[in-house]
Amino acid sequence: MANENKKFTDGELWKFIKFSIAGVSSFVVQYLFDLLFHFVIFKGLQGRVIDNAVFRFLGIDSQMDAALAYLIAATIGYAVSYMMNRKVTFNSSANLARSIILYIVMVVATIFVTAWLKGWLVRMAVDKGFVNEDGTITWLADTIIFIITVTLPFVWTYPLQRFVINPPKKKA
């Protein structure tokens, strides 16, 4: 029985479970920061237009509050995720500098993809009438959009972190 437990705790399924727990934990942190920034700190920016070529390219030029809230919250969430996964999930001994650089590249690409997707989904929600009386997006629509944009990256972040960023230790 002890040998079976050892196989499980060393196996990919266990690593994926720990990765998922770290992901849910960082999701909660990211979600709370997103709510804080979107509905409290950047409330005065709701409805303001972003005059920035990068944001226009991403399709979030009309949602300054949502864009800034997402970008900051995502950065915090990804930092929490990295710290949890590096040693706890993957017990990685990969070169720290290389690991951090690769992780940052993955995160920046992920943030750009998900920021574009969030901007597109927010515009779609507004076009479909999911807005409050003051013209801001409803809490339910924002929550659904947030869940989509946070869970979709699991498709590429697990294999990248497991096999590229924090690869398994080489056997002697």
Protein backbone atom coordinates (compact mmCIF):
# COMPACT_ATOMS: atom_id res chain seq x y z
CA MET A 1 0.00 0.00 0.00
CA ALA A 2 2.83 2.43 0.84
CA ASN A 3 4.37 1.76 -2.57
CA GLU A 4 1.03 2.59 -4.26
CA ASN A 5 0.84 5.88 -2.32
CA LYS A 6 4.40 6.71 -3.40
CA LYS A 7 3.47 6.08 -7.06
CA PHE A 8 0.46 8.39 -6.70
CA THR A 9 2.34 11.21 -4.96
CA ASP A 10 5.10 11.04 -7.59
CA GLY A 11 2.67 10.72 -10.50
CA GLU A 12 1.35 13.19 -13.03
CA LEU A 13 -2.20 13.03 -11.69
CA TRP A 14 -1.03 14.18 -8.25
CA LYS A 15 1.03 16.98 -9.83
CA PHE A 16 -2.01 18.07 -11.84
CA ILE A 17 -4.17 18.03 -8.70
CA LYS A 18 -1.61 20.20 -6.86
CA PHE A 19 -1.36 22.47 -9.93
CA SER A 20 -5.16 22.79 -9.92
CA ILE A 21 -5.21 23.60 -6.20
CA ALA A 22 -2.53 26.25 -6.75
CA GLY A 23 -4.54 27.53 -9.71
CA VAL A 24 -7.75 27.78 -7.69
CA SER A 25 -5.86 29.50 -4.86
CA SER A 26 -4.29 32.04 -7.22
CA PHE A 27 -7.71 32.40 -8.93
CA VAL A 28 -9.27 33.43 -5.62
CA VAL A 29 -6.48 35.92 -4.98
CA GLN A 30 -6.75 37.27 -8.53
CA TYR A 31 -10.55 37.46 -8.39
CA LEU A 32 -10.55 39.39 -5.11
CA PHE A 33 -7.99 41.86 -6.48
CA ASP A 34 -9.96 42.16 -9.74
CA LEU A 35 -13.12 43.05 -7.80
CA LEU A 36 -11.21 45.47 -5.57
CA PHE A 37 -9.59 47.28 -8.49
CA HIS A 38 -12.57 47.15 -10.87
CA PHE A 39 -15.35 48.17 -8.51
CA VAL A 40 -13.50 50.21 -5.84
CA ILE A 41 -10.10 51.59 -6.82
CA PHE A 42 -10.82 52.21 -10.53
CA LYS A 43 -14.56 52.94 -10.15
CA GLY A 44 -13.97 56.51 -11.29
CA LEU A 45 -12.51 55.20 -14.55
CA GLN A 46 -15.61 53.22 -15.56
CA GLY A 47 -16.68 54.13 -19.06
CA ARG A 48 -13.48 56.05 -19.84
CA VAL A 49 -11.73 55.43 -23.10
CA ILE A 50 -8.12 54.30 -23.20
CA ASP A 51 -6.17 56.13 -25.90
CA ASN A 52 -3.37 53.59 -26.24
CA ALA A 53 -2.36 51.67 -29.37
CA VAL A 54 -1.64 48.43 -27.49
CA PHE A 55 -5.00 48.51 -25.68
CA ARG A 56 -6.76 49.39 -28.95
CA PHE A 57 -5.06 46.41 -30.60
CA LEU A 58 -6.24 44.17 -27.75
CA GLY A 59 -9.76 45.56 -28.13
CA ILE A 60 -10.01 47.00 -24.64
CA ASP A 61 -9.79 50.69 -25.50
CA SER A 62 -13.27 51.48 -24.17
CA GLN A 63 -12.96 49.63 -20.85
CA MET A 64 -10.20 51.35 -18.88
CA ASP A 65 -11.43 50.15 -15.48
CA ALA A 66 -11.77 46.52 -16.56
CA ALA A 67 -8.46 46.50 -18.42
CA LEU A 68 -6.40 47.99 -15.61
CA ALA A 69 -8.12 45.85 -12.97
CA TYR A 70 -7.47 42.70 -14.97
CA LEU A 71 -3.84 43.47 -15.80
CA ILE A 72 -2.90 44.22 -12.18
CA ALA A 73 -4.94 41.37 -10.68
CA ALA A 74 -3.57 38.91 -13.24
CA THR A 75 0.00 39.91 -12.44
CA ILE A 76 -0.61 39.31 -8.74
CA GLY A 77 -2.40 36.00 -9.41
CA TYR A 78 0.36 34.70 -11.68
CA ALA A 79 3.05 35.62 -9.15
CA VAL A 80 1.21 33.65 -6.46
CA SER A 81 0.80 30.72 -8.85
CA TYR A 82 4.50 30.68 -9.77
CA MET A 83 5.61 30.64 -6.16
CA MET A 84 3.22 27.82 -5.27
CA ASN A 85 4.03 25.69 -8.31
CA ARG A 86 7.81 26.01 -8.46
CA LYS A 87 8.58 24.04 -5.30
CA VAL A 88 5.28 22.67 -3.98
CA THR A 89 3.71 21.32 -7.16
CA PHE A 90 6.72 20.43 -9.29
CA ASN A 91 9.54 20.46 -6.72
CA SER A 92 11.65 21.95 -9.47
CA SER A 93 15.37 22.35 -9.34
CA ALA A 94 15.48 24.03 -12.76
CA ASN A 95 17.71 27.08 -13.13
CA LEU A 96 15.83 29.84 -11.30
CA ALA A 97 16.73 32.67 -13.71
CA ARG A 98 15.79 30.58 -16.77
CA SER A 99 12.58 29.45 -15.07
CA ILE A 100 11.54 33.00 -14.17
CA ILE A 101 12.30 34.35 -17.67
CA LEU A 102 10.32 31.56 -19.35
CA TYR A 103 7.48 32.03 -16.87
CA ILE A 104 7.36 35.78 -17.53
CA VAL A 105 7.23 35.16 -21.30
CA MET A 106 4.38 32.68 -20.82
CA VAL A 107 2.53 35.04 -18.47
CA VAL A 108 2.88 38.07 -20.77
CA ALA A 109 1.56 36.05 -23.72
CA THR A 110 -1.25 34.67 -21.55
CA ILE A 111 -2.18 38.12 -20.24
CA PHE A 112 -2.30 39.54 -23.76
CA VAL A 113 -4.49 36.68 -25.01
CA THR A 114 -6.82 36.79 -22.02
CA ALA A 115 -6.95 40.61 -21.93
CA TRP A 116 -7.96 40.63 -25.59
CA LEU A 117 -10.54 37.90 -24.88
CA LYS A 118 -11.88 39.75 -21.84
CA GLY A 119 -12.20 42.98 -23.83
CA TRP A 120 -14.04 41.15 -26.59
CA LEU A 121 -16.37 39.40 -24.10
CA VAL A 122 -17.06 42.66 -22.23
CA ARG A 123 -17.97 44.41 -25.51
CA MET A 124 -20.21 41.47 -26.39
CA ALA A 125 -21.90 41.61 -22.97
CA VAL A 126 -22.48 45.35 -23.31
CA ASP A 127 -23.86 44.88 -26.85
CA LYS A 128 -26.24 42.19 -25.51
CA GLY A 129 -27.49 44.52 -22.76
CA PHE A 130 -25.76 43.05 -19.70
CA VAL A 131 -25.26 46.51 -18.18
CA ASN A 132 -26.37 48.34 -15.07
CA GLU A 133 -28.42 51.53 -15.19
CA ASP A 134 -25.22 53.57 -15.08
CA GLY A 135 -23.88 51.78 -18.19
CA THR A 136 -21.36 49.58 -16.38
CA ILE A 137 -21.23 45.83 -16.93
CA THR A 138 -23.26 43.74 -14.49
CA TRP A 139 -21.57 41.81 -11.69
CA LEU A 140 -22.83 38.48 -13.08
CA ALA A 141 -21.53 39.16 -16.60
CA ASP A 142 -18.19 40.32 -15.18
CA THR A 143 -17.94 37.17 -13.04
CA ILE A 144 -18.71 34.82 -15.95
CA ILE A 145 -16.19 36.62 -18.16
CA PHE A 146 -13.60 36.46 -15.39
CA ILE A 147 -14.10 32.70 -14.91
CA ILE A 148 -13.68 32.09 -18.67
CA THR A 149 -10.54 34.20 -18.95
CA VAL A 150 -8.93 32.63 -15.89
CA THR A 151 -9.71 28.96 -16.60
CA LEU A 152 -8.89 28.90 -20.33
CA PRO A 153 -5.12 29.36 -19.80
CA PHE A 154 -4.99 26.00 -17.94
CA VAL A 155 -4.90 24.44 -21.42
CA TRP A 156 -1.39 25.71 -22.09
CA THR A 157 0.00 26.72 -18.70
CA TYR A 158 0.14 23.24 -17.15
CA PRO A 159 2.17 21.60 -19.93
CA LEU A 160 4.44 24.64 -20.25
CA GLN A 161 5.10 24.86 -16.52
CA ARG A 162 5.45 21.11 -16.05
CA PHE A 163 7.75 20.29 -18.94
CA VAL A 164 9.41 23.58 -20.05
CA ILE A 165 9.51 26.08 -17.18
CA ASN A 166 9.83 23.65 -14.25
CA PRO A 167 10.94 20.42 -15.94
CA PRO A 168 11.24 17.18 -14.01
CA LYS A 169 14.54 16.54 -12.27
CA LYS A 170 16.94 14.58 -14.44
CA LYS A 171 17.62 11.10 -13.14
CA ALA A 172 21.25 10.34 -12.42
